[in-house]
Amino acid sequence: MMITEIKPPLPGRLLVSDYLEPRQLSINALARQVGVSRKHLSNIVNGRVRITPPIAVRLAWALDTSPSLWVNLQSAVDIYEAEQEFQQGGVSFQAASM
């Protein structure tokens, strides 16, 4: 099994750098547009809250992207974090015999 060595960027950071800043759009404005609180969107940007499929659909609609983009970005971070936990011995399992 290949373990990812470099942590993928947080989806919220890419949201800011690739979508909000170029469009001069604030977190408040996008939060209103997608129908979530400013606090919730700020938590996404800061990596404290995951991007869920319903939020991915809303972001895709507002930013003219696909929901898959946001779900895949979040999934990459989730997998990295799971691999790190596994490597540190936080997960135990018995390998299947072949």
C-alpha atoms as a PDB file:
ATOM      1  CA  MET A   1       0.000   0.000   0.000  1.00  0.00           C
ATOM      2  CA  MET A   2       1.343   3.433  -0.929  1.00  0.00           C
ATOM      3  CA  ILE A   3       1.082   5.988   1.855  1.00  0.00           C
ATOM      4  CA  THR A   4       0.704   9.616   0.816  1.00  0.00           C
ATOM      5  CA  GLU A   5       3.727  11.558   2.033  1.00  0.00           C
ATOM      6  CA  ILE A   6       2.583  15.135   1.421  1.00  0.00           C
ATOM      7  CA  LYS A   7      -0.591  16.466   2.982  1.00  0.00           C
ATOM      8  CA  PRO A   8      -3.033  17.642   0.316  1.00  0.00           C
ATOM      9  CA  PRO A   9      -4.213  21.237   0.558  1.00  0.00           C
ATOM     10  CA  LEU A  10      -7.340  21.853   2.576  1.00  0.00           C
ATOM     11  CA  PRO A  11     -10.344  22.373   0.305  1.00  0.00           C
ATOM     12  CA  GLY A  12     -11.186  25.580   2.147  1.00  0.00           C
ATOM     13  CA  ARG A  13      -7.786  27.060   1.373  1.00  0.00           C
ATOM     14  CA  LEU A  14      -8.264  26.326  -2.327  1.00  0.00           C
ATOM     15  CA  LEU A  15     -11.739  27.805  -2.101  1.00  0.00           C
ATOM     16  CA  VAL A  16     -10.188  31.073  -0.959  1.00  0.00           C
ATOM     17  CA  SER A  17      -7.120  31.175  -3.214  1.00  0.00           C
ATOM     18  CA  ASP A  18      -8.699  29.850  -6.418  1.00  0.00           C
ATOM     19  CA  TYR A  19     -12.272  31.124  -6.186  1.00  0.00           C
ATOM     20  CA  LEU A  20     -12.910  33.836  -3.596  1.00  0.00           C
ATOM     21  CA  GLU A  21      -9.809  36.000  -4.025  1.00  0.00           C
ATOM     22  CA  PRO A  22      -9.807  36.080  -7.855  1.00  0.00           C
ATOM     23  CA  ARG A  23     -13.497  37.055  -7.821  1.00  0.00           C
ATOM     24  CA  GLN A  24     -13.029  39.489  -4.935  1.00  0.00           C
ATOM     25  CA  LEU A  25     -15.778  37.597  -3.139  1.00  0.00           C
ATOM     26  CA  SER A  26     -15.964  37.577   0.653  1.00  0.00           C
ATOM     27  CA  ILE A  27     -16.768  34.628   2.865  1.00  0.00           C
ATOM     28  CA  ASN A  28     -19.920  36.502   3.928  1.00  0.00           C
ATOM     29  CA  ALA A  29     -21.064  36.966   0.338  1.00  0.00           C
ATOM     30  CA  LEU A  30     -20.475  33.332  -0.615  1.00  0.00           C
ATOM     31  CA  ALA A  31     -22.123  32.116   2.586  1.00  0.00           C
ATOM     32  CA  ARG A  32     -25.257  34.100   1.733  1.00  0.00           C
ATOM     33  CA  GLN A  33     -25.183  32.833  -1.842  1.00  0.00           C
ATOM     34  CA  VAL A  34     -24.983  29.163  -0.845  1.00  0.00           C
ATOM     35  CA  GLY A  35     -27.328  29.477   2.115  1.00  0.00           C
ATOM     36  CA  VAL A  36     -25.011  28.687   5.020  1.00  0.00           C
ATOM     37  CA  SER A  37     -23.845  30.783   7.929  1.00  0.00           C
ATOM     38  CA  ARG A  38     -20.656  32.820   7.683  1.00  0.00           C
ATOM     39  CA  LYS A  39     -19.354  30.855  10.672  1.00  0.00           C
ATOM     40  CA  HIS A  40     -19.922  27.516   8.931  1.00  0.00           C
ATOM     41  CA  LEU A  41     -18.173  28.641   5.750  1.00  0.00           C
ATOM     42  CA  SER A  42     -15.336  30.141   7.801  1.00  0.00           C
ATOM     43  CA  ASN A  43     -14.957  26.785   9.575  1.00  0.00           C
ATOM     44  CA  ILE A  44     -14.692  25.073   6.178  1.00  0.00           C
ATOM     45  CA  VAL A  45     -12.068  27.579   5.030  1.00  0.00           C
ATOM     46  CA  ASN A  46     -10.047  26.989   8.196  1.00  0.00           C
ATOM     47  CA  GLY A  47     -10.289  23.196   7.995  1.00  0.00           C
ATOM     48  CA  ARG A  48     -12.391  22.786  11.128  1.00  0.00           C
ATOM     49  CA  VAL A  49     -15.399  21.435   9.208  1.00  0.00           C
ATOM     50  CA  ARG A  50     -15.408  18.955   6.325  1.00  0.00           C
ATOM     51  CA  ILE A  51     -17.017  19.677   2.969  1.00  0.00           C
ATOM     52  CA  THR A  52     -19.995  17.334   2.826  1.00  0.00           C
ATOM     53  CA  PRO A  53     -21.792  16.336  -0.384  1.00  0.00           C
ATOM     54  CA  PRO A  54     -24.672  18.798   0.251  1.00  0.00           C
ATOM     55  CA  ILE A  55     -22.195  21.651   0.731  1.00  0.00           C
ATOM     56  CA  ALA A  56     -20.255  20.473  -2.341  1.00  0.00           C
ATOM     57  CA  VAL A  57     -23.433  20.765  -4.426  1.00  0.00           C
ATOM     58  CA  ARG A  58     -24.036  24.309  -3.151  1.00  0.00           C
ATOM     59  CA  LEU A  59     -20.441  25.385  -3.787  1.00  0.00           C
ATOM     60  CA  ALA A  60     -20.519  23.861  -7.259  1.00  0.00           C
ATOM     61  CA  TRP A  61     -23.690  25.738  -8.095  1.00  0.00           C
ATOM     62  CA  ALA A  62     -22.368  29.065  -6.812  1.00  0.00           C
ATOM     63  CA  LEU A  63     -18.866  28.768  -8.298  1.00  0.00           C
ATOM     64  CA  ASP A  64     -19.675  26.992 -11.581  1.00  0.00           C
ATOM     65  CA  THR A  65     -17.675  23.891 -10.693  1.00  0.00           C
ATOM     66  CA  SER A  66     -18.683  20.290 -10.069  1.00  0.00           C
ATOM     67  CA  PRO A  67     -19.665  18.779  -6.727  1.00  0.00           C
ATOM     68  CA  SER A  68     -17.069  16.078  -7.415  1.00  0.00           C
ATOM     69  CA  LEU A  69     -14.293  18.658  -7.268  1.00  0.00           C
ATOM     70  CA  TRP A  70     -15.122  19.577  -3.672  1.00  0.00           C
ATOM     71  CA  VAL A  71     -15.849  16.016  -2.535  1.00  0.00           C
ATOM     72  CA  ASN A  72     -12.604  14.754  -4.092  1.00  0.00           C
ATOM     73  CA  LEU A  73     -10.546  17.520  -2.493  1.00  0.00           C
ATOM     74  CA  GLN A  74     -12.055  16.665   0.890  1.00  0.00           C
ATOM     75  CA  SER A  75     -11.598  12.949   0.291  1.00  0.00           C
ATOM     76  CA  ALA A  76      -7.879  13.428  -0.418  1.00  0.00           C
ATOM     77  CA  VAL A  77      -7.446  15.142   2.965  1.00  0.00           C
ATOM     78  CA  ASP A  78      -9.538  12.485   4.732  1.00  0.00           C
ATOM     79  CA  ILE A  79      -7.473   9.658   3.213  1.00  0.00           C
ATOM     80  CA  TYR A  80      -4.214  11.370   4.120  1.00  0.00           C
ATOM     81  CA  GLU A  81      -5.364  11.791   7.722  1.00  0.00           C
ATOM     82  CA  ALA A  82      -6.492   8.142   7.906  1.00  0.00           C
ATOM     83  CA  GLU A  83      -3.126   6.980   6.545  1.00  0.00           C
ATOM     84  CA  GLN A  84      -1.287   9.094   9.110  1.00  0.00           C
ATOM     85  CA  GLU A  85      -3.387   7.634  11.917  1.00  0.00           C
ATOM     86  CA  PHE A  86      -2.739   4.140  10.582  1.00  0.00           C
ATOM     87  CA  GLN A  87       1.027   4.730  10.412  1.00  0.00           C
ATOM     88  CA  GLN A  88       1.091   6.015  13.968  1.00  0.00           C
ATOM     89  CA  GLY A  89      -0.567   2.855  15.206  1.00  0.00           C
ATOM     90  CA  GLY A  90      -3.944   4.420  15.909  1.00  0.00           C
ATOM     91  CA  VAL A  91      -5.724   1.728  13.906  1.00  0.00           C
ATOM     92  CA  SER A  92      -5.263  -1.975  14.445  1.00  0.00           C
ATOM     93  CA  PHE A  93      -6.334  -4.775  12.157  1.00  0.00           C
ATOM     94  CA  GLN A  94      -5.256  -8.220  11.103  1.00  0.00           C
ATOM     95  CA  ALA A  95      -4.110  -8.533   7.516  1.00  0.00           C
ATOM     96  CA  ALA A  96      -5.973 -11.086   5.446  1.00  0.00           C
ATOM     97  CA  SER A  97      -4.111 -14.306   4.626  1.00  0.00           C
ATOM     98  CA  MET A  98      -3.694 -15.192   1.022  1.00  0.00           C
END
